Amino acid sequence: MDQGQLLRVILSLLFILGLLLALAWAARRGGWLRQSTHGTQLRILGTQSLGARCSITVVQVEDSRLVLGVTPQQVTLLHTLPASASSPDDFADALGKAAART
């Protein structure tokens, strides 16, 4: 194999490796790859943004639902709901109704 062919093979391999890394990055950023949840009964039921980097999230953990306040620095438990609580069709509407009552 002469130098030209060797250079072509090396460049082709580097291109394919770069393409695979770019696809893996895009899949991870796009949410196509999910983390495995073996044995964990954890689901995010809804999220409502409250600003640039703050939000309220409802998470179902096994038999209860947790209302969490999420900021870049911490996650705070705001309320615990029983699992039998009805699931709102639109989390934003349910949060607006709850805020209007206070």
PDB file of N, CA and C in Angstrom:
ATOM      1  N   MET A   1       0.852  -1.167   0.000  1.00  0.00           N
ATOM      2  CA  MET A   1       0.000   0.000   0.000  1.00  0.00           C
ATOM      3  C   MET A   1       0.903   1.237   0.000  1.00  0.00           C
ATOM      4  N   ASP A   2       0.688   2.125  -0.933  1.00  0.00           N
ATOM      5  CA  ASP A   2       1.512   3.323  -0.979  1.00  0.00           C
ATOM      6  C   ASP A   2       0.950   4.404  -0.050  1.00  0.00           C
ATOM      7  N   GLN A   3       1.658   5.514   0.076  1.00  0.00           N
ATOM      8  CA  GLN A   3       1.282   6.566   1.028  1.00  0.00           C
ATOM      9  C   GLN A   3      -0.060   7.201   0.686  1.00  0.00           C
ATOM     10  N   GLY A   4      -0.386   7.346  -0.549  1.00  0.00           N
ATOM     11  CA  GLY A   4      -1.661   7.946  -0.954  1.00  0.00           C
ATOM     12  C   GLY A   4      -2.853   7.112  -0.519  1.00  0.00           C
ATOM     13  N   GLN A   5      -2.747   5.801  -0.715  1.00  0.00           N
ATOM     14  CA  GLN A   5      -3.828   4.908  -0.304  1.00  0.00           C
ATOM     15  C   GLN A   5      -3.953   4.866   1.216  1.00  0.00           C
ATOM     16  N   LEU A   6      -2.815   4.842   1.918  1.00  0.00           N
ATOM     17  CA  LEU A   6      -2.831   4.825   3.374  1.00  0.00           C
ATOM     18  C   LEU A   6      -3.464   6.099   3.928  1.00  0.00           C
ATOM     19  N   LEU A   7      -3.125   7.227   3.348  1.00  0.00           N
ATOM     20  CA  LEU A   7      -3.712   8.500   3.772  1.00  0.00           C
ATOM     21  C   LEU A   7      -5.218   8.506   3.528  1.00  0.00           C
ATOM     22  N   ARG A   8      -5.651   7.973   2.395  1.00  0.00           N
ATOM     23  CA  ARG A   8      -7.081   7.910   2.076  1.00  0.00           C
ATOM     24  C   ARG A   8      -7.832   7.029   3.082  1.00  0.00           C
ATOM     25  N   VAL A   9      -7.246   5.889   3.462  1.00  0.00           N
ATOM     26  CA  VAL A   9      -7.874   4.993   4.437  1.00  0.00           C
ATOM     27  C   VAL A   9      -7.969   5.663   5.798  1.00  0.00           C
ATOM     28  N   ILE A  10      -6.886   6.317   6.224  1.00  0.00           N
ATOM     29  CA  ILE A  10      -6.893   6.995   7.528  1.00  0.00           C
ATOM     30  C   ILE A  10      -7.918   8.123   7.549  1.00  0.00           C
ATOM     31  N   LEU A  11      -7.975   8.929   6.512  1.00  0.00           N
ATOM     32  CA  LEU A  11      -8.946  10.023   6.451  1.00  0.00           C
ATOM     33  C   LEU A  11     -10.378   9.491   6.414  1.00  0.00           C
ATOM     34  N   SER A  12     -10.588   8.394   5.709  1.00  0.00           N
ATOM     35  CA  SER A  12     -11.926   7.795   5.667  1.00  0.00           C
ATOM     36  C   SER A  12     -12.344   7.305   7.042  1.00  0.00           C
ATOM     37  N   LEU A  13     -11.430   6.649   7.753  1.00  0.00           N
ATOM     38  CA  LEU A  13     -11.740   6.171   9.104  1.00  0.00           C
ATOM     39  C   LEU A  13     -12.016   7.322  10.060  1.00  0.00           C
ATOM     40  N   LEU A  14     -11.242   8.388   9.967  1.00  0.00           N
ATOM     41  CA  LEU A  14     -11.471   9.563  10.813  1.00  0.00           C
ATOM     42  C   LEU A  14     -12.809  10.218  10.498  1.00  0.00           C
ATOM     43  N   PHE A  15     -13.166  10.271   9.226  1.00  0.00           N
ATOM     44  CA  PHE A  15     -14.461  10.832   8.843  1.00  0.00           C
ATOM     45  C   PHE A  15     -15.605  10.004   9.417  1.00  0.00           C
ATOM     46  N   ILE A  16     -15.514   8.685   9.301  1.00  0.00           N
ATOM     47  CA  ILE A  16     -16.573   7.810   9.819  1.00  0.00           C
ATOM     48  C   ILE A  16     -16.661   7.912  11.335  1.00  0.00           C
ATOM     49  N   LEU A  17     -15.530   7.954  12.022  1.00  0.00           N
ATOM     50  CA  LEU A  17     -15.526   8.107  13.476  1.00  0.00           C
ATOM     51  C   LEU A  17     -16.162   9.434  13.885  1.00  0.00           C
ATOM     52  N   GLY A  18     -15.817  10.507  13.190  1.00  0.00           N
ATOM     53  CA  GLY A  18     -16.421  11.806  13.472  1.00  0.00           C
ATOM     54  C   GLY A  18     -17.916  11.811  13.215  1.00  0.00           C
ATOM     55  N   LEU A  19     -18.340  11.139  12.164  1.00  0.00           N
ATOM     56  CA  LEU A  19     -19.759  11.045  11.858  1.00  0.00           C
ATOM     57  C   LEU A  19     -20.507  10.280  12.945  1.00  0.00           C
ATOM     58  N   LEU A  20     -19.936   9.191  13.426  1.00  0.00           N
ATOM     59  CA  LEU A  20     -20.561   8.420  14.507  1.00  0.00           C
ATOM     60  C   LEU A  20     -20.660   9.241  15.789  1.00  0.00           C
ATOM     61  N   LEU A  21     -19.602   9.976  16.125  1.00  0.00           N
ATOM     62  CA  LEU A  21     -19.639  10.821  17.316  1.00  0.00           C
ATOM     63  C   LEU A  21     -20.687  11.930  17.185  1.00  0.00           C
ATOM     64  N   ALA A  22     -20.798  12.529  16.014  1.00  0.00           N
ATOM     65  CA  ALA A  22     -21.794  13.576  15.790  1.00  0.00           C
ATOM     66  C   ALA A  22     -23.211  13.015  15.897  1.00  0.00           C
ATOM     67  N   LEU A  23     -23.443  11.831  15.356  1.00  0.00           N
ATOM     68  CA  LEU A  23     -24.765  11.209  15.458  1.00  0.00           C
ATOM     69  C   LEU A  23     -25.096  10.845  16.900  1.00  0.00           C
ATOM     70  N   ALA A  24     -24.125  10.345  17.649  1.00  0.00           N
ATOM     71  CA  ALA A  24     -24.359  10.017  19.055  1.00  0.00           C
ATOM     72  C   ALA A  24     -24.680  11.271  19.854  1.00  0.00           C
ATOM     73  N   TRP A  25     -23.959  12.353  19.582  1.00  0.00           N
ATOM     74  CA  TRP A  25     -24.232  13.618  20.269  1.00  0.00           C
ATOM     75  C   TRP A  25     -25.635  14.123  19.930  1.00  0.00           C
ATOM     76  N   ALA A  26     -26.010  14.072  18.656  1.00  0.00           N
ATOM     77  CA  ALA A  26     -27.333  14.535  18.233  1.00  0.00           C
ATOM     78  C   ALA A  26     -28.439  13.672  18.847  1.00  0.00           C
ATOM     79  N   ALA A  27     -28.215  12.374  18.930  1.00  0.00           N
ATOM     80  CA  ALA A  27     -29.215  11.483  19.527  1.00  0.00           C
ATOM     81  C   ALA A  27     -29.394  11.781  21.005  1.00  0.00           C
ATOM     82  N   ARG A  28     -28.310  12.054  21.683  1.00  0.00           N
ATOM     83  CA  ARG A  28     -28.406  12.358  23.112  1.00  0.00           C
ATOM     84  C   ARG A  28     -29.077  13.703  23.337  1.00  0.00           C
ATOM     85  N   ARG A  29     -28.716  14.711  22.552  1.00  0.00           N
ATOM     86  CA  ARG A  29     -29.323  16.037  22.688  1.00  0.00           C
ATOM     87  C   ARG A  29     -30.782  16.041  22.269  1.00  0.00           C
ATOM     88  N   GLY A  30     -31.118  15.242  21.290  1.00  0.00           N
ATOM     89  CA  GLY A  30     -32.484  15.190  20.791  1.00  0.00           C
ATOM     90  C   GLY A  30     -33.416  14.324  21.627  1.00  0.00           C
ATOM     91  N   GLY A  31     -32.883  13.630  22.626  1.00  0.00           N
ATOM     92  CA  GLY A  31     -33.705  12.793  23.478  1.00  0.00           C
ATOM     93  C   GLY A  31     -34.032  11.439  22.874  1.00  0.00           C
ATOM     94  N   TRP A  32     -33.315  11.047  21.835  1.00  0.00           N
ATOM     95  CA  TRP A  32     -33.575   9.750  21.212  1.00  0.00           C
ATOM     96  C   TRP A  32     -33.053   8.614  22.067  1.00  0.00           C
ATOM     97  N   LEU A  33     -32.032   8.896  22.858  1.00  0.00           N
ATOM     98  CA  LEU A  33     -31.482   7.887  23.761  1.00  0.00           C
ATOM     99  C   LEU A  33     -32.050   8.123  25.148  1.00  0.00           C
ATOM    100  N   ARG A  34     -32.645   7.128  25.719  1.00  0.00           N
ATOM    101  CA  ARG A  34     -33.206   7.259  27.053  1.00  0.00           C
ATOM    102  C   ARG A  34     -32.357   6.470  28.033  1.00  0.00           C
ATOM    103  N   GLN A  35     -32.243   7.024  29.234  1.00  0.00           N
ATOM    104  CA  GLN A  35     -31.532   6.316  30.281  1.00  0.00           C
ATOM    105  C   GLN A  35     -32.392   5.145  30.736  1.00  0.00           C
ATOM    106  N   SER A  36     -31.769   4.038  31.001  1.00  0.00           N
ATOM    107  CA  SER A  36     -32.527   2.874  31.434  1.00  0.00           C
ATOM    108  C   SER A  36     -32.988   3.072  32.873  1.00  0.00           C
ATOM    109  N   THR A  37     -34.191   2.630  33.166  1.00  0.00           N
ATOM    110  CA  THR A  37     -34.780   2.783  34.498  1.00  0.00           C
ATOM    111  C   THR A  37     -35.107   1.407  35.056  1.00  0.00           C
ATOM    112  N   HIS A  38     -34.119   0.550  35.146  1.00  0.00           N
ATOM    113  CA  HIS A  38     -34.319  -0.801  35.636  1.00  0.00           C
ATOM    114  C   HIS A  38     -34.754  -0.761  37.092  1.00  0.00           C
ATOM    115  N   GLY A  39     -35.957  -1.230  37.365  1.00  0.00           N
ATOM    116  CA  GLY A  39     -36.440  -1.318  38.728  1.00  0.00           C
ATOM    117  C   GLY A  39     -36.924  -0.001  39.314  1.00  0.00           C
ATOM    118  N   THR A  40     -36.809   1.090  38.618  1.00  0.00           N
ATOM    119  CA  THR A  40     -37.227   2.387  39.142  1.00  0.00           C
ATOM    120  C   THR A  40     -38.568   2.773  38.548  1.00  0.00           C
ATOM    121  N   GLN A  41     -39.506   3.095  39.397  1.00  0.00           N
ATOM    122  CA  GLN A  41     -40.822   3.537  38.957  1.00  0.00           C
ATOM    123  C   GLN A  41     -40.861   5.060  39.035  1.00  0.00           C
ATOM    124  N   LEU A  42     -40.236   5.717  38.083  1.00  0.00           N
ATOM    125  CA  LEU A  42     -40.113   7.165  38.075  1.00  0.00           C
ATOM    126  C   LEU A  42     -40.552   7.701  36.723  1.00  0.00           C
ATOM    127  N   ARG A  43     -41.530   8.627  36.733  1.00  0.00           N
ATOM    128  CA  ARG A  43     -42.024   9.235  35.491  1.00  0.00           C
ATOM    129  C   ARG A  43     -42.225  10.723  35.719  1.00  0.00           C
ATOM    130  N   ILE A  44     -41.868  11.523  34.741  1.00  0.00           N
ATOM    131  CA  ILE A  44     -42.155  12.954  34.785  1.00  0.00           C
ATOM    132  C   ILE A  44     -43.521  13.148  34.144  1.00  0.00           C
ATOM    133  N   LEU A  45     -44.472  13.640  34.909  1.00  0.00           N
ATOM    134  CA  LEU A  45     -45.841  13.811  34.421  1.00  0.00           C
ATOM    135  C   LEU A  45     -46.055  15.155  33.742  1.00  0.00           C
ATOM    136  N   GLY A  46     -45.334  16.172  34.190  1.00  0.00           N
ATOM    137  CA  GLY A  46     -45.496  17.480  33.560  1.00  0.00           C
ATOM    138  C   GLY A  46     -44.515  18.480  34.122  1.00  0.00           C
ATOM    139  N   THR A  47     -44.234  19.509  33.342  1.00  0.00           N
ATOM    140  CA  THR A  47     -43.307  20.565  33.747  1.00  0.00           C
ATOM    141  C   THR A  47     -43.860  21.900  33.279  1.00  0.00           C
ATOM    142  N   GLN A  48     -43.756  22.903  34.152  1.00  0.00           N
ATOM    143  CA  GLN A  48     -44.171  24.254  33.795  1.00  0.00           C
ATOM    144  C   GLN A  48     -43.026  25.206  34.103  1.00  0.00           C
ATOM    145  N   SER A  49     -42.553  25.912  33.084  1.00  0.00           N
ATOM    146  CA  SER A  49     -41.461  26.860  33.258  1.00  0.00           C
ATOM    147  C   SER A  49     -41.966  28.095  33.997  1.00  0.00           C
ATOM    148  N   LEU A  50     -41.156  28.589  34.929  1.00  0.00           N
ATOM    149  CA  LEU A  50     -41.513  29.789  35.687  1.00  0.00           C
ATOM    150  C   LEU A  50     -40.600  30.959  35.359  1.00  0.00           C
ATOM    151  N   GLY A  51     -39.656  30.756  34.526  1.00  0.00           N
ATOM    152  CA  GLY A  51     -38.713  31.812  34.172  1.00  0.00           C
ATOM    153  C   GLY A  51     -37.607  31.240  33.331  1.00  0.00           C
ATOM    154  N   ALA A  52     -36.475  31.939  33.333  1.00  0.00           N
ATOM    155  CA  ALA A  52     -35.367  31.529  32.481  1.00  0.00           C
ATOM    156  C   ALA A  52     -34.877  30.123  32.819  1.00  0.00           C
ATOM    157  N   ARG A  53     -34.659  29.827  34.099  1.00  0.00           N
ATOM    158  CA  ARG A  53     -34.123  28.516  34.448  1.00  0.00           C
ATOM    159  C   ARG A  53     -34.818  27.922  35.665  1.00  0.00           C
ATOM    160  N   CYS A  54     -36.035  28.315  35.940  1.00  0.00           N
ATOM    161  CA  CYS A  54     -36.796  27.788  37.072  1.00  0.00           C
ATOM    162  C   CYS A  54     -38.067  27.133  36.552  1.00  0.00           C
ATOM    163  N   SER A  55     -38.479  26.058  37.214  1.00  0.00           N
ATOM    164  CA  SER A  55     -39.688  25.371  36.776  1.00  0.00           C
ATOM    165  C   SER A  55     -40.303  24.603  37.929  1.00  0.00           C
ATOM    166  N   ILE A  56     -41.558  24.207  37.721  1.00  0.00           N
ATOM    167  CA  ILE A  56     -42.260  23.304  38.626  1.00  0.00           C
ATOM    168  C   ILE A  56     -42.502  22.029  37.843  1.00  0.00           C
ATOM    169  N   THR A  57     -42.206  20.906  38.481  1.00  0.00           N
ATOM    170  CA  THR A  57     -42.319  19.613  37.821  1.00  0.00           C
ATOM    171  C   THR A  57     -43.102  18.661  38.700  1.00  0.00           C
ATOM    172  N   VAL A  58     -44.003  17.884  38.086  1.00  0.00           N
ATOM    173  CA  VAL A  58     -44.738  16.839  38.797  1.00  0.00           C
ATOM    174  C   VAL A  58     -44.122  15.507  38.377  1.00  0.00           C
ATOM    175  N   VAL A  59     -43.661  14.748  39.380  1.00  0.00           N
ATOM    176  CA  VAL A  59     -42.980  13.478  39.156  1.00  0.00           C
ATOM    177  C   VAL A  59     -43.743  12.382  39.882  1.00  0.00           C
ATOM    178  N   GLN A  60     -43.968  11.258  39.204  1.00  0.00           N
ATOM    179  CA  GLN A  60     -44.594  10.117  39.856  1.00  0.00           C
ATOM    180  C   GLN A  60     -43.491   9.149  40.270  1.00  0.00           C
ATOM    181  N   VAL A  61     -43.433   8.867  41.564  1.00  0.00           N
ATOM    182  CA  VAL A  61     -42.464   7.925  42.115  1.00  0.00           C
ATOM    183  C   VAL A  61     -43.252   6.816  42.786  1.00  0.00           C
ATOM    184  N   GLU A  62     -43.216   5.632  42.192  1.00  0.00           N
ATOM    185  CA  GLU A  62     -43.943   4.456  42.644  1.00  0.00           C
ATOM    186  C   GLU A  62     -45.416   4.790  42.885  1.00  0.00           C
ATOM    187  N   ASP A  63     -45.857   4.986  44.138  1.00  0.00           N
ATOM    188  CA  ASP A  63     -47.281   5.172  44.393  1.00  0.00           C
ATOM    189  C   ASP A  63     -47.634   6.593  44.836  1.00  0.00           C
ATOM    190  N   SER A  64     -46.758   7.563  44.629  1.00  0.00           N
ATOM    191  CA  SER A  64     -47.089   8.942  44.992  1.00  0.00           C
ATOM    192  C   SER A  64     -46.584   9.895  43.923  1.00  0.00           C
ATOM    193  N   ARG A  65     -47.146  11.083  43.940  1.00  0.00           N
ATOM    194  CA  ARG A  65     -46.733  12.138  43.008  1.00  0.00           C
ATOM    195  C   ARG A  65     -46.113  13.268  43.802  1.00  0.00           C
ATOM    196  N   LEU A  66     -44.996  13.759  43.310  1.00  0.00           N
ATOM    197  CA  LEU A  66     -44.267  14.830  43.981  1.00  0.00           C
ATOM    198  C   LEU A  66     -44.293  16.083  43.117  1.00  0.00           C
ATOM    199  N   VAL A  67     -44.591  17.208  43.732  1.00  0.00           N
ATOM    200  CA  VAL A  67     -44.523  18.502  43.050  1.00  0.00           C
ATOM    201  C   VAL A  67     -43.202  19.121  43.482  1.00  0.00           C
ATOM    202  N   LEU A  68     -42.314  19.347  42.502  1.00  0.00           N
ATOM    203  CA  LEU A  68     -40.960  19.798  42.787  1.00  0.00           C
ATOM    204  C   LEU A  68     -40.711  21.177  42.185  1.00  0.00           C
ATOM    205  N   GLY A  69     -40.049  22.028  42.935  1.00  0.00           N
ATOM    206  CA  GLY A  69     -39.549  23.290  42.418  1.00  0.00           C
ATOM    207  C   GLY A  69     -38.113  23.067  41.987  1.00  0.00           C
ATOM    208  N   VAL A  70     -37.792  23.378  40.746  1.00  0.00           N
ATOM    209  CA  VAL A  70     -36.466  23.078  40.202  1.00  0.00           C
ATOM    210  C   VAL A  70     -35.783  24.378  39.782  1.00  0.00           C
ATOM    211  N   THR A  71     -34.605  24.621  40.339  1.00  0.00           N
ATOM    212  CA  THR A  71     -33.753  25.747  39.953  1.00  0.00           C
ATOM    213  C   THR A  71     -32.376  25.196  39.608  1.00  0.00           C
ATOM    214  N   PRO A  72     -31.486  26.019  39.054  1.00  0.00           N
ATOM    215  CA  PRO A  72     -30.144  25.512  38.751  1.00  0.00           C
ATOM    216  C   PRO A  72     -29.370  25.065  39.999  1.00  0.00           C
ATOM    217  N   GLN A  73     -29.697  25.615  41.165  1.00  0.00           N
ATOM    218  CA  GLN A  73     -28.961  25.288  42.373  1.00  0.00           C
ATOM    219  C   GLN A  73     -29.553  24.132  43.170  1.00  0.00           C
ATOM    220  N   GLN A  74     -30.880  23.928  43.098  1.00  0.00           N
ATOM    221  CA  GLN A  74     -31.490  22.917  43.955  1.00  0.00           C
ATOM    222  C   GLN A  74     -32.827  22.449  43.422  1.00  0.00           C
ATOM    223  N   VAL A  75     -33.290  21.370  44.020  1.00  0.00           N
ATOM    224  CA  VAL A  75     -34.625  20.830  43.772  1.00  0.00           C
ATOM    225  C   VAL A  75     -35.325  20.795  45.124  1.00  0.00           C
ATOM    226  N   THR A  76     -36.522  21.407  45.192  1.00  0.00           N
ATOM    227  CA  THR A  76     -37.238  21.507  46.452  1.00  0.00           C
ATOM    228  C   THR A  76     -38.584  20.806  46.339  1.00  0.00           C
ATOM    229  N   LEU A  77     -38.910  19.981  47.334  1.00  0.00           N
ATOM    230  CA  LEU A  77     -40.216  19.330  47.388  1.00  0.00           C
ATOM    231  C   LEU A  77     -41.244  20.361  47.834  1.00  0.00           C
ATOM    232  N   LEU A  78     -42.230  20.636  46.973  1.00  0.00           N
ATOM    233  CA  LEU A  78     -43.256  21.620  47.289  1.00  0.00           C
ATOM    234  C   LEU A  78     -44.504  20.979  47.874  1.00  0.00           C
ATOM    235  N   HIS A  79     -44.858  19.796  47.360  1.00  0.00           N
ATOM    236  CA  HIS A  79     -46.085  19.137  47.809  1.00  0.00           C
ATOM    237  C   HIS A  79     -46.033  17.664  47.412  1.00  0.00           C
ATOM    238  N   THR A  80     -46.741  16.829  48.173  1.00  0.00           N
ATOM    239  CA  THR A  80     -46.871  15.412  47.847  1.00  0.00           C
ATOM    240  C   THR A  80     -48.335  15.116  47.587  1.00  0.00           C
ATOM    241  N   LEU A  81     -48.627  14.495  46.451  1.00  0.00           N
ATOM    242  CA  LEU A  81     -49.990  14.140  46.083  1.00  0.00           C
ATOM    243  C   LEU A  81     -50.145  12.627  46.134  1.00  0.00           C
ATOM    244  N   PRO A  82     -51.330  12.139  46.486  1.00  0.00           N
ATOM    245  CA  PRO A  82     -51.543  10.687  46.417  1.00  0.00           C
ATOM    246  C   PRO A  82     -51.601  10.236  44.962  1.00  0.00           C
ATOM    247  N   ALA A  83     -51.327   8.969  44.722  1.00  0.00           N
ATOM    248  CA  ALA A  83     -51.319   8.438  43.350  1.00  0.00           C
ATOM    249  C   ALA A  83     -52.706   8.466  42.738  1.00  0.00           C
ATOM    250  N   SER A  84     -53.739   8.483  43.561  1.00  0.00           N
ATOM    251  CA  SER A  84     -55.102   8.472  43.035  1.00  0.00           C
ATOM    252  C   SER A  84     -55.554   9.844  42.550  1.00  0.00           C
ATOM    253  N   ALA A  85     -54.721  10.869  42.723  1.00  0.00           N
ATOM    254  CA  ALA A  85     -55.081  12.204  42.242  1.00  0.00           C
ATOM    255  C   ALA A  85     -55.246  12.172  40.732  1.00  0.00           C
ATOM    256  N   SER A  86     -56.265  12.839  40.246  1.00  0.00           N
ATOM    257  CA  SER A  86     -56.528  12.800  38.806  1.00  0.00           C
ATOM    258  C   SER A  86     -55.408  13.480  38.041  1.00  0.00           C
ATOM    259  N   SER A  87     -55.106  12.936  36.891  1.00  0.00           N
ATOM    260  CA  SER A  87     -54.054  13.476  36.044  1.00  0.00           C
ATOM    261  C   SER A  87     -54.626  14.601  35.196  1.00  0.00           C
ATOM    262  N   PRO A  88     -54.131  15.847  35.330  1.00  0.00           N
ATOM    263  CA  PRO A  88     -54.666  16.947  34.533  1.00  0.00           C
ATOM    264  C   PRO A  88     -54.296  16.788  33.065  1.00  0.00           C
ATOM    265  N   ASP A  89     -55.229  17.187  32.190  1.00  0.00           N
ATOM    266  CA  ASP A  89     -54.959  17.110  30.758  1.00  0.00           C
ATOM    267  C   ASP A  89     -53.839  18.054  30.374  1.00  0.00           C
ATOM    268  N   ASP A  90     -53.843  19.237  30.957  1.00  0.00           N
ATOM    269  CA  ASP A  90     -52.817  20.218  30.650  1.00  0.00           C
ATOM    270  C   ASP A  90     -52.262  20.755  31.962  1.00  0.00           C
ATOM    271  N   PHE A  91     -51.017  20.456  32.240  1.00  0.00           N
ATOM    272  CA  PHE A  91     -50.413  20.840  33.505  1.00  0.00           C
ATOM    273  C   PHE A  91     -50.423  22.352  33.701  1.00  0.00           C
ATOM    274  N   ALA A  92     -50.221  23.113  32.645  1.00  0.00           N
ATOM    275  CA  ALA A  92     -50.208  24.567  32.755  1.00  0.00           C
ATOM    276  C   ALA A  92     -51.566  25.092  33.203  1.00  0.00           C
ATOM    277  N   ASP A  93     -52.670  24.521  32.670  1.00  0.00           N
ATOM    278  CA  ASP A  93     -54.008  24.938  33.090  1.00  0.00           C
ATOM    279  C   ASP A  93     -54.259  24.599  34.554  1.00  0.00           C
ATOM    280  N   ALA A  94     -53.845  23.409  34.970  1.00  0.00           N
ATOM    281  CA  ALA A  94     -54.038  22.992  36.360  1.00  0.00           C
ATOM    282  C   ALA A  94     -53.253  23.889  37.309  1.00  0.00           C
ATOM    283  N   LEU A  95     -52.026  24.252  36.919  1.00  0.00           N
ATOM    284  CA  LEU A  95     -51.218  25.136  37.754  1.00  0.00           C
ATOM    285  C   LEU A  95     -51.842  26.524  37.810  1.00  0.00           C
ATOM    286  N   GLY A  96     -52.370  27.011  36.687  1.00  0.00           N
ATOM    287  CA  GLY A  96     -53.036  28.321  36.685  1.00  0.00           C
ATOM    288  C   GLY A  96     -54.261  28.348  37.573  1.00  0.00           C
ATOM    289  N   LYS A  97     -55.050  27.282  37.557  1.00  0.00           N
ATOM    290  CA  LYS A  97     -56.237  27.199  38.413  1.00  0.00           C
ATOM    291  C   LYS A  97     -55.838  27.162  39.890  1.00  0.00           C
ATOM    292  N   ALA A  98     -54.782  26.408  40.205  1.00  0.00           N
ATOM    293  CA  ALA A  98     -54.334  26.342  41.598  1.00  0.00           C
ATOM    294  C   ALA A  98     -53.793  27.679  42.068  1.00  0.00           C
ATOM    295  N   ALA A  99     -53.099  28.394  41.203  1.00  0.00           N
ATOM    296  CA  ALA A  99     -52.556  29.698  41.570  1.00  0.00           C
ATOM    297  C   ALA A  99     -53.674  30.727  41.730  1.00  0.00           C
ATOM    298  N   ALA A 100     -54.753  30.596  40.964  1.00  0.00           N
ATOM    299  CA  ALA A 100     -55.863  31.529  41.054  1.00  0.00           C
ATOM    300  C   ALA A 100     -56.622  31.370  42.370  1.00  0.00           C
ATOM    301  N   ARG A 101     -56.607  30.163  42.906  1.00  0.00           N
ATOM    302  CA  ARG A 101     -57.320  29.917  44.172  1.00  0.00           C
ATOM    303  C   ARG A 101     -56.614  30.542  45.371  1.00  0.00           C
ATOM    304  N   THR A 102     -55.326  30.801  45.267  1.00  0.00           N
ATOM    305  CA  THR A 102     -54.579  31.344  46.425  1.00  0.00           C
ATOM    306  C   THR A 102     -54.595  32.827  46.460  1.00  0.00           C
TER     307      THR A 102
END
